[in-house]
Amino acid sequence: MRIAVVASGLSVPSSTRLLADRLAAATAGRVDGAEVAVVELRELAVEIANHLTNGFPGPRLAAAIETVTGADGLIVVTPVFSASYSGLFKSFFDVLEPEALAGTPVLIGATGGTPRHSLVLEHALRPLFAYLRAVVVPTGVYAASQDWGTEGDGYADGLAERVDRAATELAALLSPAAGSRGAPRAAGADRRAEADEVVPFAERLAALGIDPPADRRGG
């Protein structure tokens, strides 16, 4: 089970990367055999800008795109800039193919200096991934500066609970045991093919017990 983590913090160390790591650890601990790969967008900024202008990804960006689009689940975390996600964060998802994340479970997170920006999860991040046809887990995690503790597990009250709840929700979408106990979720192209499968209208009517209208062509 492959989990890709996309972090778009600009500083080192970064509270954005710290939150991403906490979310990844909490999720991986709930999914058997989870493999976690982290994509640091700060290291790809130049290649992302070049791709936007010339349409060709550099080698490191191409590898990052493959990691993200081939993952079974995503954890994405951005710092808040001007009450929204960062430009670097948005630019990375702009270079993905339109259907690349269709059906992919996504856990969204953000960091900022004040709790006032916590609604960025709902007015910016959730609509973005809904547009990309990803499956966003109900709980998003926002961490303000005051949410980070200095002792124990490094959390202030409340953040640990949000991390655990969000990780549990993502793990439930990734783990077969959390659903019907059937086969694991399809990954990559197989999952997107399932999302794009077209069911004929007549079959949809038949499933509802409705006879399809007679073909009046030629009569």
Protein backbone atom coordinates (compact mmCIF):
# COMPACT_ATOMS: atom_id res chain seq x y z
CA MET A 1 0.00 0.00 0.00
CA ARG A 2 1.67 3.18 -1.20
CA ILE A 3 1.09 6.51 0.53
CA ALA A 4 2.50 9.67 -1.06
CA VAL A 5 3.05 12.75 1.10
CA VAL A 6 3.21 16.17 -0.57
CA ALA A 7 4.67 18.94 1.61
CA SER A 8 5.09 22.48 0.31
CA GLY A 9 6.84 24.19 3.19
CA LEU A 10 9.55 26.65 2.17
CA SER A 11 11.73 26.78 5.27
CA VAL A 12 14.05 24.26 6.92
CA PRO A 13 12.93 23.09 9.41
CA SER A 14 9.31 23.45 8.38
CA SER A 15 6.15 23.12 10.46
CA THR A 16 4.43 22.03 7.23
CA ARG A 17 6.82 19.10 6.86
CA LEU A 18 6.47 18.35 10.57
CA LEU A 19 2.68 18.08 10.27
CA ALA A 20 3.03 16.00 7.10
CA ASP A 21 5.36 13.58 8.88
CA ARG A 22 2.98 13.25 11.85
CA LEU A 23 0.04 12.54 9.58
CA ALA A 24 2.06 10.01 7.59
CA ALA A 25 3.28 8.20 10.69
CA ALA A 26 -0.23 8.04 12.16
CA THR A 27 -1.68 6.69 8.91
CA ALA A 28 1.11 4.19 8.23
CA GLY A 29 0.68 2.83 11.74
CA ARG A 30 -2.89 1.90 10.86
CA VAL A 31 -2.25 0.33 7.42
CA ASP A 32 -0.48 -3.01 7.13
CA GLY A 33 2.48 -2.93 4.77
CA ALA A 34 2.26 0.82 4.13
CA GLU A 35 5.10 2.37 2.13
CA VAL A 36 5.47 6.13 2.57
CA ALA A 37 7.16 8.40 0.01
CA VAL A 38 7.58 12.12 0.71
CA VAL A 39 7.63 14.76 -2.05
CA GLU A 40 9.17 18.07 -0.93
CA LEU A 41 7.94 20.70 -3.37
CA ARG A 42 10.55 23.21 -2.21
CA GLU A 43 13.17 21.07 -3.94
CA LEU A 44 11.14 21.01 -7.19
CA ALA A 45 10.24 24.70 -7.47
CA VAL A 46 12.43 25.43 -10.50
CA GLU A 47 11.33 22.31 -12.40
CA ILE A 48 7.67 23.08 -11.65
CA ALA A 49 8.08 26.62 -13.03
CA ASN A 50 9.85 25.30 -16.13
CA HIS A 51 7.12 22.72 -16.70
CA LEU A 52 4.43 25.40 -16.54
CA THR A 53 6.18 27.39 -19.26
CA ASN A 54 7.50 24.67 -21.58
CA GLY A 55 5.23 21.70 -20.87
CA PHE A 56 8.04 19.24 -20.07
CA PRO A 57 8.86 17.96 -16.57
CA GLY A 58 12.46 17.65 -15.46
CA PRO A 59 13.65 14.26 -14.18
CA ARG A 60 13.02 14.94 -10.49
CA LEU A 61 9.58 16.43 -11.15
CA ALA A 62 8.68 13.51 -13.42
CA ALA A 63 9.61 11.09 -10.62
CA ALA A 64 7.54 13.09 -8.12
CA ILE A 65 4.53 13.09 -10.44
CA GLU A 66 4.83 9.33 -10.87
CA THR A 67 5.03 8.88 -7.09
CA VAL A 68 1.91 10.96 -6.48
CA THR A 69 -0.26 9.66 -9.32
CA GLY A 70 0.69 6.04 -8.64
CA ALA A 71 -0.05 6.17 -4.92
CA ASP A 72 -2.98 4.43 -3.28
CA GLY A 73 -3.52 7.43 -1.00
CA LEU A 74 -2.25 10.98 -0.55
CA ILE A 75 -1.43 13.25 2.36
CA VAL A 76 -1.06 16.87 1.28
CA VAL A 77 0.02 19.77 3.50
CA THR A 78 0.54 23.41 2.59
CA PRO A 79 1.41 26.58 4.48
CA VAL A 80 -1.22 29.31 4.31
CA PHE A 81 -0.29 32.24 2.07
CA SER A 82 -2.76 35.12 1.66
CA ALA A 83 -5.59 33.04 3.17
CA SER A 84 -5.13 30.14 0.72
CA TYR A 85 -2.72 27.38 -0.29
CA SER A 86 0.73 28.42 -1.45
CA GLY A 87 1.43 29.13 -5.11
CA LEU A 88 4.02 26.34 -5.16
CA PHE A 89 1.44 23.86 -3.86
CA LYS A 90 -1.15 24.87 -6.47
CA SER A 91 1.42 24.91 -9.27
CA PHE A 92 2.39 21.30 -8.60
CA PHE A 93 -1.18 20.08 -8.88
CA ASP A 94 -1.66 22.26 -11.96
CA VAL A 95 0.93 20.22 -13.86
CA LEU A 96 -0.81 16.89 -13.20
CA GLU A 97 -3.07 15.39 -15.84
CA PRO A 98 -6.74 16.33 -15.20
CA GLU A 99 -7.85 12.80 -14.23
CA ALA A 100 -4.61 11.75 -12.51
CA LEU A 101 -6.08 11.77 -8.99
CA ALA A 102 -9.60 10.56 -9.77
CA GLY A 103 -10.75 8.23 -7.00
CA THR A 104 -7.63 8.70 -4.88
CA PRO A 105 -8.20 9.06 -1.11
CA VAL A 106 -6.66 12.32 0.14
CA LEU A 107 -6.00 13.69 3.61
CA ILE A 108 -5.66 17.49 3.55
CA GLY A 109 -3.63 19.56 6.00
CA ALA A 110 -2.36 23.11 6.40
CA THR A 111 -0.21 25.19 8.73
CA GLY A 112 -0.27 28.85 9.66
CA GLY A 113 0.64 31.34 12.33
CA THR A 114 -2.87 31.82 13.71
CA PRO A 115 -6.07 29.76 14.07
CA ARG A 116 -7.89 32.40 11.98
CA HIS A 117 -6.73 30.66 8.81
CA SER A 118 -8.09 27.22 9.67
CA LEU A 119 -10.98 27.57 7.20
CA VAL A 120 -8.45 27.31 4.37
CA LEU A 121 -9.10 23.58 4.54
CA GLU A 122 -12.73 24.05 3.58
CA HIS A 123 -12.70 27.03 1.23
CA ALA A 124 -9.50 26.21 -0.70
CA LEU A 125 -8.08 22.70 -0.25
CA ARG A 126 -11.26 20.64 -0.20
CA PRO A 127 -12.72 22.28 -3.34
CA LEU A 128 -9.40 21.84 -5.17
CA PHE A 129 -9.31 18.09 -4.61
CA ALA A 130 -13.03 17.73 -5.21
CA TYR A 131 -12.43 19.33 -8.60
CA LEU A 132 -9.64 16.80 -9.22
CA ARG A 133 -12.19 14.06 -8.38
CA ALA A 134 -10.19 12.80 -5.43
CA VAL A 135 -11.92 11.39 -2.34
CA VAL A 136 -11.17 13.78 0.51
CA VAL A 137 -11.48 12.35 4.03
CA PRO A 138 -13.94 14.19 6.32
CA THR A 139 -11.35 15.48 8.79
CA GLY A 140 -8.77 18.02 7.62
CA VAL A 141 -5.95 19.00 9.96
CA TYR A 142 -4.87 22.60 10.50
CA ALA A 143 -1.99 23.42 12.83
CA ALA A 144 -1.32 26.97 14.05
CA SER A 145 1.90 27.93 15.80
CA GLN A 146 0.25 27.51 19.20
CA ASP A 147 -0.71 23.90 18.38
CA TRP A 148 2.88 22.72 18.67
CA GLY A 149 4.03 21.75 22.17
CA THR A 150 7.57 21.63 23.48
CA GLU A 151 7.38 18.45 25.55
CA GLY A 152 6.21 14.86 25.20
CA ASP A 153 4.87 14.12 21.73
CA GLY A 154 5.27 17.72 20.59
CA TYR A 155 1.53 18.42 20.38
CA ALA A 156 -0.58 20.93 22.20
CA ASP A 157 -4.09 19.87 23.23
CA GLY A 158 -6.37 19.09 20.33
CA LEU A 159 -3.89 18.61 17.48
CA ALA A 160 -3.07 15.03 18.44
CA GLU A 161 -6.75 14.12 18.39
CA ARG A 162 -7.26 15.69 14.96
CA VAL A 163 -4.22 13.89 13.57
CA ASP A 164 -5.43 10.54 14.91
CA ARG A 165 -8.96 11.03 13.62
CA ALA A 166 -7.86 12.07 10.14
CA ALA A 167 -5.33 9.23 9.93
CA THR A 168 -8.00 6.73 10.95
CA GLU A 169 -10.31 7.99 8.21
CA LEU A 170 -7.62 7.75 5.54
CA ALA A 171 -6.58 4.30 6.74
CA ALA A 172 -10.21 3.17 6.53
CA LEU A 173 -10.25 4.04 2.82
CA LEU A 174 -6.93 2.33 2.20
CA SER A 175 -7.33 -0.84 4.23
CA PRO A 176 -9.60 -3.63 2.94
CA ALA A 177 -10.28 -4.68 6.53
CA ALA A 178 -11.93 -1.33 7.18
CA GLY A 179 -14.42 -1.81 4.37
CA SER A 180 -16.00 -4.96 2.98
CA ARG A 181 -12.94 -7.12 3.73
CA GLY A 182 -12.68 -7.78 0.01
CA ALA A 183 -9.79 -7.16 -2.35
CA PRO A 184 -7.55 -4.13 -1.80
CA ARG A 185 -8.44 -0.85 -3.52
CA ALA A 186 -7.31 -0.57 -7.11
CA ALA A 187 -4.30 1.68 -7.56
CA GLY A 188 -3.17 4.09 -10.26
CA ALA A 189 -4.58 3.43 -13.72
CA ASP A 190 -6.90 0.61 -12.53
CA ARG A 191 -8.54 2.89 -9.97
CA ARG A 192 -8.99 5.71 -12.48
CA ALA A 193 -10.40 3.27 -15.05
CA GLU A 194 -13.02 2.20 -12.52
CA ALA A 195 -13.90 5.84 -11.82
CA ASP A 196 -14.30 6.52 -15.55
CA GLU A 197 -16.35 3.41 -16.37
CA VAL A 198 -19.51 4.34 -18.28
CA VAL A 199 -22.69 2.38 -17.55
CA PRO A 200 -25.24 2.48 -20.42
CA PHE A 201 -28.42 4.40 -19.58
CA ALA A 202 -30.60 1.38 -20.33
CA GLU A 203 -28.70 -0.66 -17.75
CA ARG A 204 -29.17 2.06 -15.15
CA LEU A 205 -32.93 2.05 -15.80
CA ALA A 206 -33.08 -1.74 -15.65
CA ALA A 207 -31.32 -1.72 -12.28
CA LEU A 208 -34.13 0.52 -11.01
CA GLY A 209 -36.82 -1.76 -12.43
CA ILE A 210 -37.77 0.69 -15.20
CA ASP A 211 -38.25 -0.46 -18.77
CA PRO A 212 -36.17 1.59 -21.20
CA PRO A 213 -38.15 3.64 -23.74
CA ALA A 214 -38.82 1.98 -27.08
CA ASP A 215 -36.56 2.96 -29.96
CA ARG A 216 -38.72 5.19 -32.17
CA ARG A 217 -36.16 5.69 -34.89
CA GLY A 218 -37.52 4.92 -38.34
CA GLY A 219 -41.10 4.75 -37.13
